[in-house]
């Protein structure tokens, strides 16, 4: 005995519902990424609370799809599966872009730190042809004068 739902034809209502849910998930994930960015900059939440970040992202991706599927009439499993995939992609995109941006910021900070550190080493001046007295400003102030 087959008790599954009969196949439903594709209607504009289902597509509009899927698009609306996908856009809502993307908006919620963008707000979530911004909130996580703020929290990570002001509070030490990593790495102890990574599990909470992941759980929040999964909830953002799945709950809107589940609620929309329960409200819709004859929302078959194929449409539900497609909506879940679209929702995960829509929720993941802002978070991935945020993480890529954070990685670029960390890379620039590391480059700035290492450059500043390298300039403090004496080896940084090995290939500088300027005489040492000119680099320190000694000749510009007339260091050859006596009693000056």
N, C-alpha and C. Protein backbone atom coordinates (compact mmCIF):
# COMPACT_ATOMS: atom_id res chain seq x y z
N UNK A 1 0.84 -1.18 0.00
CA UNK A 1 0.00 0.00 0.00
C UNK A 1 0.89 1.25 0.00
N UNK A 2 0.67 2.10 -0.95
CA UNK A 2 1.45 3.32 -1.11
C UNK A 2 0.68 4.47 -0.47
N UNK A 3 1.25 5.08 0.57
CA UNK A 3 0.55 6.16 1.26
C UNK A 3 1.20 7.51 1.05
N UNK A 4 2.14 7.60 0.11
CA UNK A 4 2.78 8.89 -0.11
C UNK A 4 1.84 9.83 -0.85
N UNK A 5 2.18 11.09 -0.78
CA UNK A 5 1.36 12.10 -1.47
C UNK A 5 1.48 11.93 -2.97
N UNK A 6 0.45 12.22 -3.69
CA UNK A 6 0.56 12.17 -5.15
C UNK A 6 1.44 13.31 -5.63
N UNK A 7 2.06 13.12 -6.78
CA UNK A 7 2.89 14.18 -7.34
C UNK A 7 2.03 15.40 -7.63
N UNK A 8 2.56 16.54 -7.26
CA UNK A 8 1.83 17.78 -7.49
C UNK A 8 2.44 18.52 -8.66
N UNK A 9 1.63 19.14 -9.48
CA UNK A 9 2.19 19.91 -10.59
C UNK A 9 2.89 21.17 -10.08
N UNK A 10 3.85 21.64 -10.87
CA UNK A 10 4.57 22.85 -10.51
C UNK A 10 3.65 24.04 -10.72
N UNK A 11 3.51 24.83 -9.68
CA UNK A 11 2.66 26.01 -9.77
C UNK A 11 3.46 27.24 -9.40
N UNK A 12 2.94 28.37 -9.81
CA UNK A 12 3.62 29.63 -9.51
C UNK A 12 3.65 29.90 -8.02
N UNK A 13 2.65 29.45 -7.29
CA UNK A 13 2.60 29.67 -5.85
C UNK A 13 3.74 28.99 -5.13
N UNK A 14 4.07 27.75 -5.55
CA UNK A 14 5.17 27.03 -4.93
C UNK A 14 6.51 27.70 -5.23
N UNK A 15 6.69 28.16 -6.47
CA UNK A 15 7.95 28.82 -6.82
C UNK A 15 8.11 30.15 -6.08
N UNK A 16 7.01 30.89 -5.98
CA UNK A 16 7.07 32.16 -5.25
C UNK A 16 7.37 31.91 -3.78
N UNK A 17 6.78 30.85 -3.22
CA UNK A 17 7.04 30.50 -1.83
C UNK A 17 8.50 30.13 -1.64
N UNK A 18 9.04 29.34 -2.55
CA UNK A 18 10.45 28.94 -2.44
C UNK A 18 11.36 30.14 -2.55
N UNK A 19 11.08 31.05 -3.48
CA UNK A 19 11.90 32.24 -3.65
C UNK A 19 11.80 33.15 -2.42
N UNK A 20 10.60 33.30 -1.89
CA UNK A 20 10.41 34.14 -0.71
C UNK A 20 11.17 33.58 0.49
N UNK A 21 11.08 32.27 0.69
CA UNK A 21 11.79 31.65 1.80
C UNK A 21 13.30 31.79 1.62
N UNK A 22 13.78 31.58 0.40
CA UNK A 22 15.22 31.69 0.13
C UNK A 22 15.72 33.10 0.41
N UNK A 23 14.98 34.11 -0.02
CA UNK A 23 15.40 35.50 0.22
C UNK A 23 15.33 35.85 1.72
N UNK A 24 14.32 35.33 2.41
CA UNK A 24 14.23 35.57 3.85
C UNK A 24 15.40 34.92 4.59
N UNK A 25 15.76 33.72 4.17
CA UNK A 25 16.89 33.02 4.80
C UNK A 25 18.18 33.79 4.54
N UNK A 26 18.36 34.29 3.32
CA UNK A 26 19.57 35.04 3.01
C UNK A 26 19.65 36.32 3.85
N UNK A 27 18.54 36.99 4.02
CA UNK A 27 18.51 38.19 4.86
C UNK A 27 18.83 37.87 6.31
N UNK A 28 18.22 36.80 6.82
CA UNK A 28 18.48 36.41 8.21
C UNK A 28 19.94 35.99 8.40
N UNK A 29 20.51 35.30 7.42
CA UNK A 29 21.90 34.88 7.52
C UNK A 29 22.85 36.08 7.46
N UNK A 30 22.50 37.10 6.71
CA UNK A 30 23.31 38.31 6.65
C UNK A 30 23.31 39.02 8.00
N UNK A 31 22.14 39.12 8.61
CA UNK A 31 22.05 39.72 9.94
C UNK A 31 22.82 38.87 10.96
N UNK A 32 22.71 37.56 10.83
CA UNK A 32 23.42 36.64 11.72
C UNK A 32 24.94 36.80 11.58
N UNK A 33 25.42 36.92 10.35
CA UNK A 33 26.86 37.10 10.12
C UNK A 33 27.34 38.43 10.72
N UNK A 34 26.54 39.47 10.57
CA UNK A 34 26.90 40.77 11.14
C UNK A 34 26.92 40.69 12.67
N UNK A 35 25.96 40.00 13.26
CA UNK A 35 25.92 39.85 14.71
C UNK A 35 27.13 39.05 15.20
N UNK A 36 27.46 37.98 14.49
CA UNK A 36 28.63 37.19 14.88
C UNK A 36 29.92 37.99 14.75
N UNK A 37 30.00 38.80 13.72
CA UNK A 37 31.18 39.65 13.54
C UNK A 37 31.33 40.61 14.71
N UNK A 38 30.23 41.22 15.10
CA UNK A 38 30.26 42.13 16.24
C UNK A 38 30.66 41.40 17.52
N UNK A 39 30.05 40.25 17.76
CA UNK A 39 30.35 39.48 18.97
C UNK A 39 31.80 39.03 19.02
N UNK A 40 32.34 38.60 17.87
CA UNK A 40 33.72 38.14 17.85
C UNK A 40 34.71 39.27 18.06
N UNK A 41 34.35 40.47 17.66
CA UNK A 41 35.26 41.60 17.85
C UNK A 41 35.23 42.13 19.29
N UNK A 42 34.12 41.93 19.97
CA UNK A 42 33.99 42.50 21.31
C UNK A 42 34.04 41.49 22.46
N UNK A 43 33.84 40.21 22.16
CA UNK A 43 33.84 39.19 23.21
C UNK A 43 34.64 37.97 22.74
N UNK A 44 35.31 37.29 23.65
CA UNK A 44 36.07 36.09 23.25
C UNK A 44 35.16 34.86 23.14
N UNK A 45 34.48 34.72 22.01
CA UNK A 45 33.55 33.59 21.87
C UNK A 45 34.16 32.42 21.11
N UNK A 46 35.31 32.63 20.46
CA UNK A 46 35.94 31.52 19.72
C UNK A 46 37.10 30.98 20.52
N UNK A 47 37.43 29.77 20.49
CA UNK A 47 36.82 28.64 19.79
C UNK A 47 35.80 27.91 20.64
N UNK A 48 35.53 28.39 21.86
CA UNK A 48 34.65 27.65 22.77
C UNK A 48 33.20 27.56 22.31
N UNK A 49 32.75 28.52 21.55
CA UNK A 49 31.33 28.55 21.19
C UNK A 49 31.09 28.39 19.68
N UNK A 50 32.01 27.75 19.01
CA UNK A 50 31.83 27.50 17.57
C UNK A 50 30.61 26.63 17.33
N UNK A 51 30.37 25.68 18.22
CA UNK A 51 29.21 24.80 18.08
C UNK A 51 27.91 25.61 18.07
N UNK A 52 27.84 26.66 18.87
CA UNK A 52 26.64 27.49 18.92
C UNK A 52 26.46 28.28 17.62
N UNK A 53 27.57 28.74 17.05
CA UNK A 53 27.50 29.45 15.77
C UNK A 53 26.97 28.54 14.67
N UNK A 54 27.47 27.31 14.64
CA UNK A 54 27.05 26.36 13.61
C UNK A 54 25.58 25.99 13.82
N UNK A 55 25.19 25.74 15.06
CA UNK A 55 23.80 25.38 15.34
C UNK A 55 22.86 26.52 14.94
N UNK A 56 23.26 27.75 15.23
CA UNK A 56 22.44 28.90 14.82
C UNK A 56 22.30 29.00 13.32
N UNK A 57 23.39 28.76 12.59
CA UNK A 57 23.33 28.79 11.13
C UNK A 57 22.43 27.70 10.56
N UNK A 58 22.49 26.52 11.14
CA UNK A 58 21.63 25.43 10.67
C UNK A 58 20.17 25.75 10.95
N UNK A 59 19.88 26.30 12.11
CA UNK A 59 18.50 26.68 12.42
C UNK A 59 18.00 27.76 11.47
N UNK A 60 18.85 28.72 11.15
CA UNK A 60 18.45 29.77 10.22
C UNK A 60 18.13 29.18 8.85
N UNK A 61 18.86 28.14 8.47
CA UNK A 61 18.64 27.52 7.16
C UNK A 61 17.41 26.62 7.13
N UNK A 62 17.14 25.89 8.20
CA UNK A 62 16.10 24.86 8.16
C UNK A 62 14.73 25.29 8.66
N UNK A 63 14.68 26.12 9.69
CA UNK A 63 13.39 26.46 10.30
C UNK A 63 12.45 27.17 9.32
N UNK A 64 12.89 28.17 8.57
CA UNK A 64 11.96 28.82 7.64
C UNK A 64 11.40 27.86 6.58
N UNK A 65 12.23 26.93 6.11
CA UNK A 65 11.76 25.97 5.11
C UNK A 65 10.72 25.03 5.72
N UNK A 66 10.98 24.57 6.93
CA UNK A 66 10.04 23.68 7.60
C UNK A 66 8.71 24.37 7.86
N UNK A 67 8.76 25.62 8.30
CA UNK A 67 7.51 26.36 8.55
C UNK A 67 6.73 26.60 7.26
N UNK A 68 7.44 26.95 6.19
CA UNK A 68 6.76 27.18 4.91
C UNK A 68 6.17 25.89 4.37
N UNK A 69 6.86 24.77 4.54
CA UNK A 69 6.36 23.49 4.06
C UNK A 69 5.12 23.06 4.83
N UNK A 70 5.07 23.38 6.11
CA UNK A 70 3.89 23.01 6.89
C UNK A 70 2.68 23.86 6.53
N UNK A 71 2.91 25.11 6.16
CA UNK A 71 1.81 25.99 5.77
C UNK A 71 1.27 25.68 4.38
N UNK A 72 2.14 25.25 3.49
CA UNK A 72 1.74 25.03 2.10
C UNK A 72 0.96 23.71 1.97
N UNK A 73 0.02 23.73 1.08
CA UNK A 73 -0.73 22.51 0.81
C UNK A 73 0.00 21.71 -0.26
N UNK A 74 0.09 20.44 -0.07
CA UNK A 74 0.71 19.51 -1.01
C UNK A 74 2.10 19.95 -1.43
N UNK A 75 2.95 20.11 -0.46
CA UNK A 75 4.35 20.44 -0.68
C UNK A 75 5.11 19.13 -0.61
N UNK A 76 5.35 18.50 -1.75
CA UNK A 76 5.92 17.14 -1.76
C UNK A 76 7.40 17.14 -1.38
N UNK A 77 7.93 15.96 -1.18
CA UNK A 77 9.29 15.82 -0.68
C UNK A 77 10.33 16.35 -1.65
N UNK A 78 10.07 16.29 -2.95
CA UNK A 78 11.04 16.81 -3.93
C UNK A 78 11.18 18.32 -3.81
N UNK A 79 10.06 18.97 -3.67
CA UNK A 79 10.09 20.44 -3.50
C UNK A 79 10.73 20.80 -2.16
N UNK A 80 10.42 20.00 -1.15
CA UNK A 80 11.00 20.27 0.17
C UNK A 80 12.51 20.10 0.13
N UNK A 81 12.98 19.05 -0.52
CA UNK A 81 14.43 18.83 -0.62
C UNK A 81 15.10 19.97 -1.39
N UNK A 82 14.50 20.39 -2.48
CA UNK A 82 15.05 21.51 -3.24
C UNK A 82 15.07 22.79 -2.43
N UNK A 83 14.01 23.01 -1.65
CA UNK A 83 13.95 24.21 -0.81
C UNK A 83 15.02 24.17 0.28
N UNK A 84 15.27 22.98 0.83
CA UNK A 84 16.31 22.85 1.86
C UNK A 84 17.68 23.16 1.27
N UNK A 85 17.97 22.64 0.08
CA UNK A 85 19.26 22.91 -0.56
C UNK A 85 19.42 24.40 -0.86
N UNK A 86 18.37 25.00 -1.42
CA UNK A 86 18.45 26.44 -1.71
C UNK A 86 18.63 27.25 -0.43
N UNK A 87 17.98 26.81 0.62
CA UNK A 87 18.09 27.51 1.89
C UNK A 87 19.50 27.41 2.47
N UNK A 88 20.11 26.24 2.40
CA UNK A 88 21.48 26.10 2.90
C UNK A 88 22.45 26.96 2.09
N UNK A 89 22.26 27.00 0.79
CA UNK A 89 23.13 27.84 -0.05
C UNK A 89 22.91 29.31 0.28
N UNK A 90 21.64 29.71 0.42
CA UNK A 90 21.33 31.10 0.73
C UNK A 90 21.84 31.50 2.11
N UNK A 91 21.79 30.59 3.07
CA UNK A 91 22.28 30.90 4.41
C UNK A 91 23.80 30.88 4.46
N UNK A 92 24.41 30.02 3.67
CA UNK A 92 25.86 29.89 3.70
C UNK A 92 26.59 31.02 3.00
N UNK A 93 26.00 31.56 1.95
CA UNK A 93 26.69 32.58 1.15
C UNK A 93 27.12 33.80 1.97
N UNK A 94 26.23 34.44 2.75
CA UNK A 94 26.69 35.61 3.52
C UNK A 94 27.73 35.24 4.58
N UNK A 95 27.58 34.08 5.19
CA UNK A 95 28.53 33.67 6.22
C UNK A 95 29.89 33.38 5.61
N UNK A 96 29.90 32.74 4.45
CA UNK A 96 31.17 32.45 3.76
C UNK A 96 31.84 33.76 3.33
N UNK A 97 31.07 34.68 2.78
CA UNK A 97 31.63 35.97 2.37
C UNK A 97 32.19 36.73 3.58
N UNK A 98 31.49 36.67 4.70
CA UNK A 98 31.98 37.32 5.92
C UNK A 98 33.29 36.69 6.36
N UNK A 99 33.38 35.37 6.35
CA UNK A 99 34.60 34.70 6.76
C UNK A 99 35.76 35.00 5.81
N UNK A 100 35.49 35.08 4.51
CA UNK A 100 36.54 35.45 3.57
C UNK A 100 37.03 36.87 3.84
N UNK A 101 36.12 37.77 4.13
CA UNK A 101 36.50 39.14 4.48
C UNK A 101 37.34 39.18 5.75
N UNK A 102 36.94 38.39 6.75
CA UNK A 102 37.72 38.33 8.00
C UNK A 102 39.11 37.76 7.75
N UNK A 103 39.22 36.77 6.88
CA UNK A 103 40.53 36.19 6.56
C UNK A 103 41.41 37.23 5.87
N UNK A 104 40.83 38.03 4.98
CA UNK A 104 41.61 39.07 4.32
C UNK A 104 42.08 40.12 5.32
N UNK A 105 41.23 40.50 6.25
CA UNK A 105 41.62 41.48 7.28
C UNK A 105 42.76 40.92 8.13
N UNK A 106 42.65 39.65 8.53
CA UNK A 106 43.72 39.04 9.33
C UNK A 106 45.01 38.97 8.53
N UNK A 107 44.93 38.68 7.25
CA UNK A 107 46.13 38.61 6.41
C UNK A 107 46.79 39.98 6.30
N UNK A 108 45.99 41.03 6.13
CA UNK A 108 46.55 42.39 6.06
C UNK A 108 47.18 42.79 7.38
N UNK A 109 46.54 42.43 8.50
CA UNK A 109 47.11 42.75 9.81
C UNK A 109 48.42 42.00 10.02
N UNK A 110 48.49 40.75 9.60
CA UNK A 110 49.72 39.98 9.73
C UNK A 110 50.82 40.58 8.87
N UNK A 111 50.48 40.98 7.65
CA UNK A 111 51.46 41.60 6.76
C UNK A 111 51.96 42.91 7.34
N UNK A 112 51.06 43.71 7.90
CA UNK A 112 51.44 44.98 8.51
C UNK A 112 52.34 44.74 9.73
N UNK A 113 52.02 43.75 10.53
CA UNK A 113 52.81 43.42 11.71
C UNK A 113 54.21 42.94 11.32
N UNK A 114 54.29 42.02 10.37
CA UNK A 114 55.60 41.50 9.98
C UNK A 114 56.44 42.56 9.30
N UNK A 115 55.83 43.43 8.52
CA UNK A 115 56.57 44.51 7.87
C UNK A 115 57.14 45.46 8.92
N UNK A 116 56.34 45.84 9.88
CA UNK A 116 56.82 46.74 10.93
C UNK A 116 57.91 46.08 11.75
N UNK A 117 57.79 44.82 11.98
CA UNK A 117 58.80 44.10 12.75
C UNK A 117 60.10 43.97 11.96
N UNK A 118 60.00 43.73 10.66
CA UNK A 118 61.20 43.61 9.83
C UNK A 118 61.94 44.94 9.73
N UNK A 119 61.23 46.05 9.74
CA UNK A 119 61.89 47.35 9.63
C UNK A 119 62.68 47.70 10.89
N UNK A 120 62.39 47.08 11.99
CA UNK A 120 63.13 47.34 13.22
C UNK A 120 64.43 46.56 13.30
N UNK A 121 64.62 45.58 12.44
CA UNK A 121 65.84 44.77 12.44
C UNK A 121 66.97 45.53 11.73
N UNK A 122 68.19 45.32 12.14
CA UNK A 122 69.32 45.96 11.44
C UNK A 122 69.48 45.44 10.02
N UNK A 123 69.07 44.20 9.76
CA UNK A 123 69.20 43.64 8.42
C UNK A 123 68.32 44.38 7.41
N UNK A 124 67.35 45.12 7.89
CA UNK A 124 66.49 45.85 6.98
C UNK A 124 67.24 46.97 6.28
N UNK A 125 68.38 47.41 6.87
CA UNK A 125 69.14 48.51 6.30
C UNK A 125 70.37 48.05 5.54
N UNK A 126 70.54 46.76 5.35
CA UNK A 126 71.74 46.24 4.69
C UNK A 126 71.86 46.76 3.27
N UNK A 127 70.77 46.81 2.54
CA UNK A 127 70.83 47.21 1.14
C UNK A 127 70.53 48.69 0.94
N UNK A 128 70.52 49.47 1.99
CA UNK A 128 70.26 50.90 1.90
C UNK A 128 71.58 51.62 1.63
N UNK A 129 71.75 52.28 0.47
CA UNK A 129 73.03 52.93 0.14
C UNK A 129 73.24 54.26 0.85
N UNK A 130 72.25 54.79 1.55
CA UNK A 130 72.39 56.06 2.22
C UNK A 130 73.32 55.91 3.42
N UNK A 131 74.29 56.81 3.58
CA UNK A 131 75.16 56.73 4.76
C UNK A 131 74.36 56.85 6.05
N UNK A 132 74.85 56.19 7.07
CA UNK A 132 74.13 56.13 8.33
C UNK A 132 73.92 57.52 8.93
N UNK A 133 74.90 58.41 8.80
CA UNK A 133 74.76 59.75 9.37
C UNK A 133 73.62 60.51 8.72
N UNK A 134 73.40 60.32 7.42
CA UNK A 134 72.30 61.01 6.75
C UNK A 134 70.96 60.43 7.16
N UNK A 135 70.90 59.14 7.43
CA UNK A 135 69.65 58.52 7.83
C UNK A 135 69.22 58.99 9.21
N UNK A 136 70.17 59.28 10.08
CA UNK A 136 69.80 59.71 11.43
C UNK A 136 69.59 61.21 11.51
N UNK A 137 69.92 61.94 10.45
CA UNK A 137 69.75 63.39 10.46
C UNK A 137 70.93 64.13 11.05
N UNK A 138 72.02 63.43 11.35
CA UNK A 138 73.19 64.06 11.98
C UNK A 138 73.81 65.13 11.09
N UNK A 139 73.96 64.88 9.80
CA UNK A 139 74.58 65.87 8.90
C UNK A 139 73.65 67.03 8.63
N UNK A 140 72.40 66.80 8.64
CA UNK A 140 71.46 67.87 8.35
C UNK A 140 71.48 68.92 9.47
N UNK A 141 71.83 68.51 10.71
CA UNK A 141 71.86 69.44 11.82
C UNK A 141 73.25 70.04 12.01
N UNK A 142 74.21 69.70 11.16
CA UNK A 142 75.55 70.27 11.29
C UNK A 142 76.33 69.61 12.40
N UNK A 143 76.44 68.32 12.39
CA UNK A 143 77.13 67.58 13.43
C UNK A 143 78.64 67.78 13.42
N UNK A 144 79.18 68.39 12.36
CA UNK A 144 80.63 68.60 12.31
C UNK A 144 81.06 69.83 13.10
N UNK A 145 80.13 70.69 13.43
CA UNK A 145 80.49 71.92 14.13
C UNK A 145 80.80 71.61 15.60
N UNK A 146 81.77 72.32 16.11
CA UNK A 146 82.17 72.15 17.51
C UNK A 146 81.50 73.28 18.31
N UNK A 147 80.92 72.88 19.44
CA UNK A 147 80.32 73.86 20.33
C UNK A 147 79.02 74.44 19.82
N UNK A 148 78.39 73.77 18.94
CA UNK A 148 77.24 74.28 18.24
C UNK A 148 75.98 74.18 18.88
